């Protein structure tokens, strides 16, 4: 009767294996989801980069002006931080 109340070593091993398989399965699902997200982010960044290049090529004056203003702002910011 005492044997029926406590799980045997085989039962414990099977339970541990089942838990391990469940953890591996959930880990693999998470990895697949992260790979899909990575692909989506790469695609979005590539599209944004392509759109930005097209815009600058069609509006070169605005691109140069924005770069100039950004450089001045960055210079002022770095100058104030180094004082």
PDB file of N, CA and C in Angstrom:
ATOM      1  N   UNK A   1       0.811  -1.185   0.000  1.00  0.00           N
ATOM      2  CA  UNK A   1       0.000   0.000   0.000  1.00  0.00           C
ATOM      3  C   UNK A   1       0.860   1.257   0.000  1.00  0.00           C
ATOM      4  N   UNK A   2       2.022   1.209   0.613  1.00  0.00           N
ATOM      5  CA  UNK A   2       2.918   2.346   0.631  1.00  0.00           C
ATOM      6  C   UNK A   2       3.466   2.632  -0.763  1.00  0.00           C
ATOM      7  N   UNK A   3       3.592   1.595  -1.587  1.00  0.00           N
ATOM      8  CA  UNK A   3       4.097   1.782  -2.942  1.00  0.00           C
ATOM      9  C   UNK A   3       3.114   2.554  -3.804  1.00  0.00           C
ATOM     10  N   UNK A   4       1.836   2.428  -3.564  1.00  0.00           N
ATOM     11  CA  UNK A   4       0.827   3.104  -4.361  1.00  0.00           C
ATOM     12  C   UNK A   4       0.749   4.599  -4.069  1.00  0.00           C
ATOM     13  N   UNK A   5       1.111   4.998  -2.871  1.00  0.00           N
ATOM     14  CA  UNK A   5       1.001   6.398  -2.494  1.00  0.00           C
ATOM     15  C   UNK A   5       2.155   7.234  -3.055  1.00  0.00           C
ATOM     16  N   UNK A   6       3.343   6.683  -3.130  1.00  0.00           N
ATOM     17  CA  UNK A   6       4.502   7.417  -3.615  1.00  0.00           C
ATOM     18  C   UNK A   6       4.801   6.994  -5.054  1.00  0.00           C
ATOM     19  N   UNK A   7       5.092   7.995  -5.915  1.00  0.00           N
ATOM     20  CA  UNK A   7       5.410   7.648  -7.304  1.00  0.00           C
ATOM     21  C   UNK A   7       6.745   6.908  -7.382  1.00  0.00           C
ATOM     22  N   UNK A   8       6.839   6.001  -8.299  1.00  0.00           N
ATOM     23  CA  UNK A   8       8.070   5.246  -8.469  1.00  0.00           C
ATOM     24  C   UNK A   8       9.084   6.114  -9.228  1.00  0.00           C
ATOM     25  N   UNK A   9      10.300   5.614  -9.291  1.00  0.00           N
ATOM     26  CA  UNK A   9      11.354   6.355  -9.974  1.00  0.00           C
ATOM     27  C   UNK A   9      11.042   6.510 -11.459  1.00  0.00           C
ATOM     28  N   UNK A  10      10.459   5.493 -12.059  1.00  0.00           N
ATOM     29  CA  UNK A  10      10.094   5.559 -13.474  1.00  0.00           C
ATOM     30  C   UNK A  10       9.047   6.634 -13.717  1.00  0.00           C
ATOM     31  N   UNK A  11       8.076   6.717 -12.822  1.00  0.00           N
ATOM     32  CA  UNK A  11       7.026   7.730 -12.962  1.00  0.00           C
ATOM     33  C   UNK A  11       7.608   9.129 -12.799  1.00  0.00           C
ATOM     34  N   UNK A  12       8.512   9.283 -11.859  1.00  0.00           N
ATOM     35  CA  UNK A  12       9.144  10.589 -11.650  1.00  0.00           C
ATOM     36  C   UNK A  12       9.972  10.978 -12.871  1.00  0.00           C
ATOM     37  N   UNK A  13      10.699  10.028 -13.430  1.00  0.00           N
ATOM     38  CA  UNK A  13      11.517  10.292 -14.612  1.00  0.00           C
ATOM     39  C   UNK A  13      10.632  10.680 -15.791  1.00  0.00           C
ATOM     40  N   UNK A  14       9.526   9.958 -15.980  1.00  0.00           N
ATOM     41  CA  UNK A  14       8.602  10.278 -17.068  1.00  0.00           C
ATOM     42  C   UNK A  14       8.003  11.669 -16.895  1.00  0.00           C
ATOM     43  N   UNK A  15       7.672  12.011 -15.655  1.00  0.00           N
ATOM     44  CA  UNK A  15       7.097  13.329 -15.379  1.00  0.00           C
ATOM     45  C   UNK A  15       8.124  14.425 -15.669  1.00  0.00           C
ATOM     46  N   UNK A  16       9.369  14.205 -15.276  1.00  0.00           N
ATOM     47  CA  UNK A  16      10.420  15.178 -15.535  1.00  0.00           C
ATOM     48  C   UNK A  16      10.667  15.334 -17.033  1.00  0.00           C
ATOM     49  N   UNK A  17      10.638  14.220 -17.757  1.00  0.00           N
ATOM     50  CA  UNK A  17      10.818  14.276 -19.205  1.00  0.00           C
ATOM     51  C   UNK A  17       9.684  15.031 -19.876  1.00  0.00           C
ATOM     52  N   UNK A  18       8.456  14.818 -19.401  1.00  0.00           N
ATOM     53  CA  UNK A  18       7.295  15.515 -19.964  1.00  0.00           C
ATOM     54  C   UNK A  18       7.403  17.014 -19.711  1.00  0.00           C
ATOM     55  N   UNK A  19       7.828  17.392 -18.515  1.00  0.00           N
ATOM     56  CA  UNK A  19       7.990  18.806 -18.194  1.00  0.00           C
ATOM     57  C   UNK A  19       9.090  19.427 -19.053  1.00  0.00           C
ATOM     58  N   UNK A  20      10.167  18.683 -19.258  1.00  0.00           N
ATOM     59  CA  UNK A  20      11.267  19.175 -20.081  1.00  0.00           C
ATOM     60  C   UNK A  20      10.822  19.357 -21.532  1.00  0.00           C
ATOM     61  N   UNK A  21      10.069  18.410 -22.066  1.00  0.00           N
ATOM     62  CA  UNK A  21       9.563  18.520 -23.433  1.00  0.00           C
ATOM     63  C   UNK A  21       8.623  19.718 -23.576  1.00  0.00           C
ATOM     64  N   UNK A  22       7.812  19.967 -22.559  1.00  0.00           N
ATOM     65  CA  UNK A  22       6.897  21.113 -22.590  1.00  0.00           C
ATOM     66  C   UNK A  22       7.677  22.423 -22.586  1.00  0.00           C
ATOM     67  N   UNK A  23       8.721  22.503 -21.785  1.00  0.00           N
ATOM     68  CA  UNK A  23       9.544  23.708 -21.731  1.00  0.00           C
ATOM     69  C   UNK A  23      10.260  23.932 -23.057  1.00  0.00           C
ATOM     70  N   UNK A  24      10.779  22.861 -23.644  1.00  0.00           N
ATOM     71  CA  UNK A  24      11.464  22.976 -24.937  1.00  0.00           C
ATOM     72  C   UNK A  24      10.497  23.438 -26.006  1.00  0.00           C
ATOM     73  N   UNK A  25       9.295  22.895 -25.984  1.00  0.00           N
ATOM     74  CA  UNK A  25       8.280  23.277 -26.967  1.00  0.00           C
ATOM     75  C   UNK A  25       7.929  24.760 -26.850  1.00  0.00           C
ATOM     76  N   UNK A  26       7.741  25.244 -25.638  1.00  0.00           N
ATOM     77  CA  UNK A  26       7.408  26.655 -25.455  1.00  0.00           C
ATOM     78  C   UNK A  26       8.584  27.545 -25.852  1.00  0.00           C
ATOM     79  N   UNK A  27       9.806  27.079 -25.604  1.00  0.00           N
ATOM     80  CA  UNK A  27      10.997  27.829 -26.000  1.00  0.00           C
ATOM     81  C   UNK A  27      11.096  27.918 -27.522  1.00  0.00           C
ATOM     82  N   UNK A  28      10.827  26.811 -28.199  1.00  0.00           N
ATOM     83  CA  UNK A  28      10.868  26.801 -29.665  1.00  0.00           C
ATOM     84  C   UNK A  28       9.799  27.711 -30.257  1.00  0.00           C
ATOM     85  N   UNK A  29       8.621  27.737 -29.653  1.00  0.00           N
ATOM     86  CA  UNK A  29       7.559  28.636 -30.117  1.00  0.00           C
ATOM     87  C   UNK A  29       7.982  30.087 -29.958  1.00  0.00           C
ATOM     88  N   UNK A  30       8.614  30.398 -28.842  1.00  0.00           N
ATOM     89  CA  UNK A  30       9.096  31.753 -28.599  1.00  0.00           C
ATOM     90  C   UNK A  30      10.167  32.143 -29.616  1.00  0.00           C
ATOM     91  N   UNK A  31      11.078  31.231 -29.919  1.00  0.00           N
ATOM     92  CA  UNK A  31      12.116  31.507 -30.911  1.00  0.00           C
ATOM     93  C   UNK A  31      11.511  31.754 -32.291  1.00  0.00           C
ATOM     94  N   UNK A  32      10.520  30.961 -32.667  1.00  0.00           N
ATOM     95  CA  UNK A  32       9.862  31.164 -33.960  1.00  0.00           C
ATOM     96  C   UNK A  32       9.188  32.527 -34.022  1.00  0.00           C
ATOM     97  N   UNK A  33       8.532  32.901 -32.950  1.00  0.00           N
ATOM     98  CA  UNK A  33       7.863  34.200 -32.898  1.00  0.00           C
ATOM     99  C   UNK A  33       8.869  35.342 -32.998  1.00  0.00           C
ATOM    100  N   UNK A  34       9.995  35.209 -32.311  1.00  0.00           N
ATOM    101  CA  UNK A  34      11.026  36.242 -32.366  1.00  0.00           C
ATOM    102  C   UNK A  34      11.652  36.336 -33.756  1.00  0.00           C
ATOM    103  N   UNK A  35      11.820  35.197 -34.433  1.00  0.00           N
ATOM    104  CA  UNK A  35      12.366  35.217 -35.790  1.00  0.00           C
ATOM    105  C   UNK A  35      11.412  35.945 -36.730  1.00  0.00           C
ATOM    106  N   UNK A  36      10.109  35.703 -36.582  1.00  0.00           N
ATOM    107  CA  UNK A  36       9.134  36.393 -37.427  1.00  0.00           C
ATOM    108  C   UNK A  36       9.145  37.892 -37.158  1.00  0.00           C
ATOM    109  N   UNK A  37       9.225  38.272 -35.890  1.00  0.00           N
ATOM    110  CA  UNK A  37       9.284  39.694 -35.532  1.00  0.00           C
ATOM    111  C   UNK A  37      10.533  40.334 -36.106  1.00  0.00           C
ATOM    112  N   UNK A  38      11.654  39.618 -36.036  1.00  0.00           N
ATOM    113  CA  UNK A  38      12.908  40.137 -36.577  1.00  0.00           C
ATOM    114  C   UNK A  38      12.774  40.388 -38.075  1.00  0.00           C
ATOM    115  N   UNK A  39      12.177  39.448 -38.781  1.00  0.00           N
ATOM    116  CA  UNK A  39      11.985  39.616 -40.216  1.00  0.00           C
ATOM    117  C   UNK A  39      11.096  40.819 -40.509  1.00  0.00           C
ATOM    118  N   UNK A  40      10.038  40.996 -39.717  1.00  0.00           N
ATOM    119  CA  UNK A  40       9.142  42.148 -39.910  1.00  0.00           C
ATOM    120  C   UNK A  40       9.874  43.462 -39.673  1.00  0.00           C
ATOM    121  N   UNK A  41      10.688  43.523 -38.629  1.00  0.00           N
ATOM    122  CA  UNK A  41      11.428  44.752 -38.319  1.00  0.00           C
ATOM    123  C   UNK A  41      12.441  45.050 -39.424  1.00  0.00           C
ATOM    124  N   UNK A  42      13.138  44.031 -39.890  1.00  0.00           N
ATOM    125  CA  UNK A  42      14.109  44.235 -40.965  1.00  0.00           C
ATOM    126  C   UNK A  42      13.400  44.756 -42.211  1.00  0.00           C
ATOM    127  N   UNK A  43      12.246  44.200 -42.534  1.00  0.00           N
ATOM    128  CA  UNK A  43      11.494  44.636 -43.706  1.00  0.00           C
ATOM    129  C   UNK A  43      11.048  46.097 -43.549  1.00  0.00           C
ATOM    130  N   UNK A  44      10.545  46.460 -42.369  1.00  0.00           N
ATOM    131  CA  UNK A  44      10.109  47.843 -42.131  1.00  0.00           C
ATOM    132  C   UNK A  44      11.282  48.815 -42.245  1.00  0.00           C
ATOM    133  N   UNK A  45      12.419  48.470 -41.663  1.00  0.00           N
ATOM    134  CA  UNK A  45      13.586  49.351 -41.723  1.00  0.00           C
ATOM    135  C   UNK A  45      14.055  49.509 -43.160  1.00  0.00           C
ATOM    136  N   UNK A  46      14.072  48.420 -43.909  1.00  0.00           N
ATOM    137  CA  UNK A  46      14.493  48.493 -45.314  1.00  0.00           C
ATOM    138  C   UNK A  46      13.547  49.378 -46.122  1.00  0.00           C
ATOM    139  N   UNK A  47      12.254  49.226 -45.885  1.00  0.00           N
ATOM    140  CA  UNK A  47      11.279  50.057 -46.594  1.00  0.00           C
ATOM    141  C   UNK A  47      11.436  51.531 -46.235  1.00  0.00           C
ATOM    142  N   UNK A  48      11.616  51.821 -44.952  1.00  0.00           N
ATOM    143  CA  UNK A  48      11.803  53.213 -44.526  1.00  0.00           C
ATOM    144  C   UNK A  48      13.077  53.808 -45.118  1.00  0.00           C
ATOM    145  N   UNK A  49      14.139  53.021 -45.138  1.00  0.00           N
ATOM    146  CA  UNK A  49      15.405  53.490 -45.707  1.00  0.00           C
ATOM    147  C   UNK A  49      15.238  53.796 -47.195  1.00  0.00           C
ATOM    148  N   UNK A  50      14.574  52.895 -47.903  1.00  0.00           N
ATOM    149  CA  UNK A  50      14.341  53.094 -49.335  1.00  0.00           C
ATOM    150  C   UNK A  50      13.502  54.348 -49.580  1.00  0.00           C
ATOM    151  N   UNK A  51      12.457  54.540 -48.772  1.00  0.00           N
ATOM    152  CA  UNK A  51      11.605  55.726 -48.911  1.00  0.00           C
ATOM    153  C   UNK A  51      12.377  57.012 -48.619  1.00  0.00           C
ATOM    154  N   UNK A  52      13.234  56.971 -47.611  1.00  0.00           N
ATOM    155  CA  UNK A  52      14.025  58.158 -47.274  1.00  0.00           C
ATOM    156  C   UNK A  52      14.982  58.503 -48.411  1.00  0.00           C
ATOM    157  N   UNK A  53      15.616  57.493 -48.994  1.00  0.00           N
ATOM    158  CA  UNK A  53      16.528  57.739 -50.121  1.00  0.00           C
ATOM    159  C   UNK A  53      15.773  58.333 -51.310  1.00  0.00           C
ATOM    160  N   UNK A  54      14.595  57.802 -51.583  1.00  0.00           N
ATOM    161  CA  UNK A  54      13.794  58.337 -52.695  1.00  0.00           C
ATOM    162  C   UNK A  54      13.416  59.791 -52.446  1.00  0.00           C
ATOM    163  N   UNK A  55      13.021  60.090 -51.202  1.00  0.00           N
ATOM    164  CA  UNK A  55      12.613  61.459 -50.871  1.00  0.00           C
ATOM    165  C   UNK A  55      13.780  62.422 -51.037  1.00  0.00           C
ATOM    166  N   UNK A  56      14.943  62.037 -50.530  1.00  0.00           N
ATOM    167  CA  UNK A  56      16.108  62.920 -50.614  1.00  0.00           C
ATOM    168  C   UNK A  56      16.527  63.103 -52.071  1.00  0.00           C
ATOM    169  N   UNK A  57      16.422  62.053 -52.871  1.00  0.00           N
ATOM    170  CA  UNK A  57      16.778  62.190 -54.288  1.00  0.00           C
ATOM    171  C   UNK A  57      15.806  63.107 -55.028  1.00  0.00           C
ATOM    172  N   UNK A  58      14.539  63.076 -54.642  1.00  0.00           N
ATOM    173  CA  UNK A  58      13.570  63.935 -55.325  1.00  0.00           C
ATOM    174  C   UNK A  58      13.539  65.347 -54.747  1.00  0.00           C
ATOM    175  N   UNK A  59      14.042  65.540 -53.530  1.00  0.00           N
ATOM    176  CA  UNK A  59      14.088  66.855 -52.881  1.00  0.00           C
ATOM    177  C   UNK A  59      15.492  67.082 -52.315  1.00  0.00           C
ATOM    178  N   UNK A  60      16.490  67.275 -53.152  1.00  0.00           N
ATOM    179  CA  UNK A  60      17.871  67.375 -52.639  1.00  0.00           C
ATOM    180  C   UNK A  60      18.108  68.611 -51.773  1.00  0.00           C
ATOM    181  N   UNK A  61      17.436  69.729 -52.086  1.00  0.00           N
ATOM    182  CA  UNK A  61      17.665  70.949 -51.298  1.00  0.00           C
ATOM    183  C   UNK A  61      17.199  70.754 -49.858  1.00  0.00           C
ATOM    184  N   UNK A  62      16.052  70.129 -49.681  1.00  0.00           N
ATOM    185  CA  UNK A  62      15.542  69.912 -48.330  1.00  0.00           C
ATOM    186  C   UNK A  62      16.438  68.939 -47.561  1.00  0.00           C
ATOM    187  N   UNK A  63      16.957  67.935 -48.256  1.00  0.00           N
ATOM    188  CA  UNK A  63      17.859  66.984 -47.611  1.00  0.00           C
ATOM    189  C   UNK A  63      19.122  67.644 -47.108  1.00  0.00           C
ATOM    190  N   UNK A  64      19.698  68.522 -47.934  1.00  0.00           N
ATOM    191  CA  UNK A  64      20.916  69.234 -47.535  1.00  0.00           C
ATOM    192  C   UNK A  64      20.603  70.181 -46.382  1.00  0.00           C
ATOM    193  N   UNK A  65      19.474  70.883 -46.466  1.00  0.00           N
ATOM    194  CA  UNK A  65      19.091  71.817 -45.405  1.00  0.00           C
ATOM    195  C   UNK A  65      18.881  71.096 -44.079  1.00  0.00           C
ATOM    196  N   UNK A  66      18.171  69.970 -44.110  1.00  0.00           N
ATOM    197  CA  UNK A  66      17.950  69.217 -42.868  1.00  0.00           C
ATOM    198  C   UNK A  66      19.261  68.686 -42.300  1.00  0.00           C
ATOM    199  N   UNK A  67      20.153  68.245 -43.155  1.00  0.00           N
ATOM    200  CA  UNK A  67      21.460  67.773 -42.676  1.00  0.00           C
ATOM    201  C   UNK A  67      22.246  68.919 -42.042  1.00  0.00           C
ATOM    202  N   UNK A  68      22.203  70.081 -42.657  1.00  0.00           N
ATOM    203  CA  UNK A  68      22.906  71.255 -42.142  1.00  0.00           C
ATOM    204  C   UNK A  68      22.355  71.661 -40.774  1.00  0.00           C
ATOM    205  N   UNK A  69      21.038  71.756 -40.678  1.00  0.00           N
ATOM    206  CA  UNK A  69      20.413  72.137 -39.401  1.00  0.00           C
ATOM    207  C   UNK A  69      20.690  71.088 -38.336  1.00  0.00           C
ATOM    208  N   UNK A  70      20.611  69.811 -38.707  1.00  0.00           N
ATOM    209  CA  UNK A  70      20.914  68.742 -37.747  1.00  0.00           C
ATOM    210  C   UNK A  70      22.350  68.809 -37.262  1.00  0.00           C
ATOM    211  N   UNK A  71      23.273  69.126 -38.155  1.00  0.00           N
ATOM    212  CA  UNK A  71      24.681  69.254 -37.770  1.00  0.00           C
ATOM    213  C   UNK A  71      24.906  70.404 -36.819  1.00  0.00           C
ATOM    214  N   UNK A  72      24.252  71.532 -37.082  1.00  0.00           N
ATOM    215  CA  UNK A  72      24.371  72.685 -36.182  1.00  0.00           C
ATOM    216  C   UNK A  72      23.807  72.346 -34.808  1.00  0.00           C
ATOM    217  N   UNK A  73      22.635  71.718 -34.787  1.00  0.00           N
ATOM    218  CA  UNK A  73      22.017  71.353 -33.504  1.00  0.00           C
ATOM    219  C   UNK A  73      22.892  70.370 -32.742  1.00  0.00           C
ATOM    220  N   UNK A  74      23.437  69.411 -33.436  1.00  0.00           N
ATOM    221  CA  UNK A  74      24.315  68.439 -32.788  1.00  0.00           C
ATOM    222  C   UNK A  74      25.585  69.109 -32.268  1.00  0.00           C
ATOM    223  N   UNK A  75      26.135  70.046 -33.035  1.00  0.00           N
ATOM    224  CA  UNK A  75      27.325  70.780 -32.593  1.00  0.00           C
ATOM    225  C   UNK A  75      27.056  71.592 -31.343  1.00  0.00           C
ATOM    226  N   UNK A  76      25.922  72.263 -31.307  1.00  0.00           N
ATOM    227  CA  UNK A  76      25.565  73.063 -30.114  1.00  0.00           C
ATOM    228  C   UNK A  76      25.382  72.149 -28.914  1.00  0.00           C
ATOM    229  N   UNK A  77      24.711  71.041 -29.105  1.00  0.00           N
ATOM    230  CA  UNK A  77      24.475  70.101 -28.009  1.00  0.00           C
ATOM    231  C   UNK A  77      25.783  69.539 -27.464  1.00  0.00           C
ATOM    232  N   UNK A  78      26.660  69.136 -28.339  1.00  0.00           N
ATOM    233  CA  UNK A  78      27.953  68.594 -27.900  1.00  0.00           C
ATOM    234  C   UNK A  78      28.776  69.695 -27.230  1.00  0.00           C
ATOM    235  N   UNK A  79      28.714  70.902 -27.760  1.00  0.00           N
ATOM    236  CA  UNK A  79      29.437  72.017 -27.143  1.00  0.00           C
ATOM    237  C   UNK A  79      28.970  72.302 -25.740  1.00  0.00           C
ATOM    238  N   UNK A  80      27.667  72.246 -25.508  1.00  0.00           N
ATOM    239  CA  UNK A  80      27.143  72.513 -24.156  1.00  0.00           C
ATOM    240  C   UNK A  80      27.454  71.371 -23.210  1.00  0.00           C
ATOM    241  N   UNK A  81      27.478  70.149 -23.716  1.00  0.00           N
ATOM    242  CA  UNK A  81      27.757  68.999 -22.851  1.00  0.00           C
ATOM    243  C   UNK A  81      29.221  68.929 -22.446  1.00  0.00           C
ATOM    244  N   UNK A  82      30.113  69.458 -23.260  1.00  0.00           N
ATOM    245  CA  UNK A  82      31.545  69.376 -22.946  1.00  0.00           C
ATOM    246  C   UNK A  82      32.024  70.542 -22.074  1.00  0.00           C
ATOM    247  N   UNK A  83      31.217  71.540 -21.852  1.00  0.00           N
ATOM    248  CA  UNK A  83      31.615  72.675 -21.005  1.00  0.00           C
ATOM    249  C   UNK A  83      31.641  72.318 -19.558  1.00  0.00           C
TER     250      UNK A  83
END
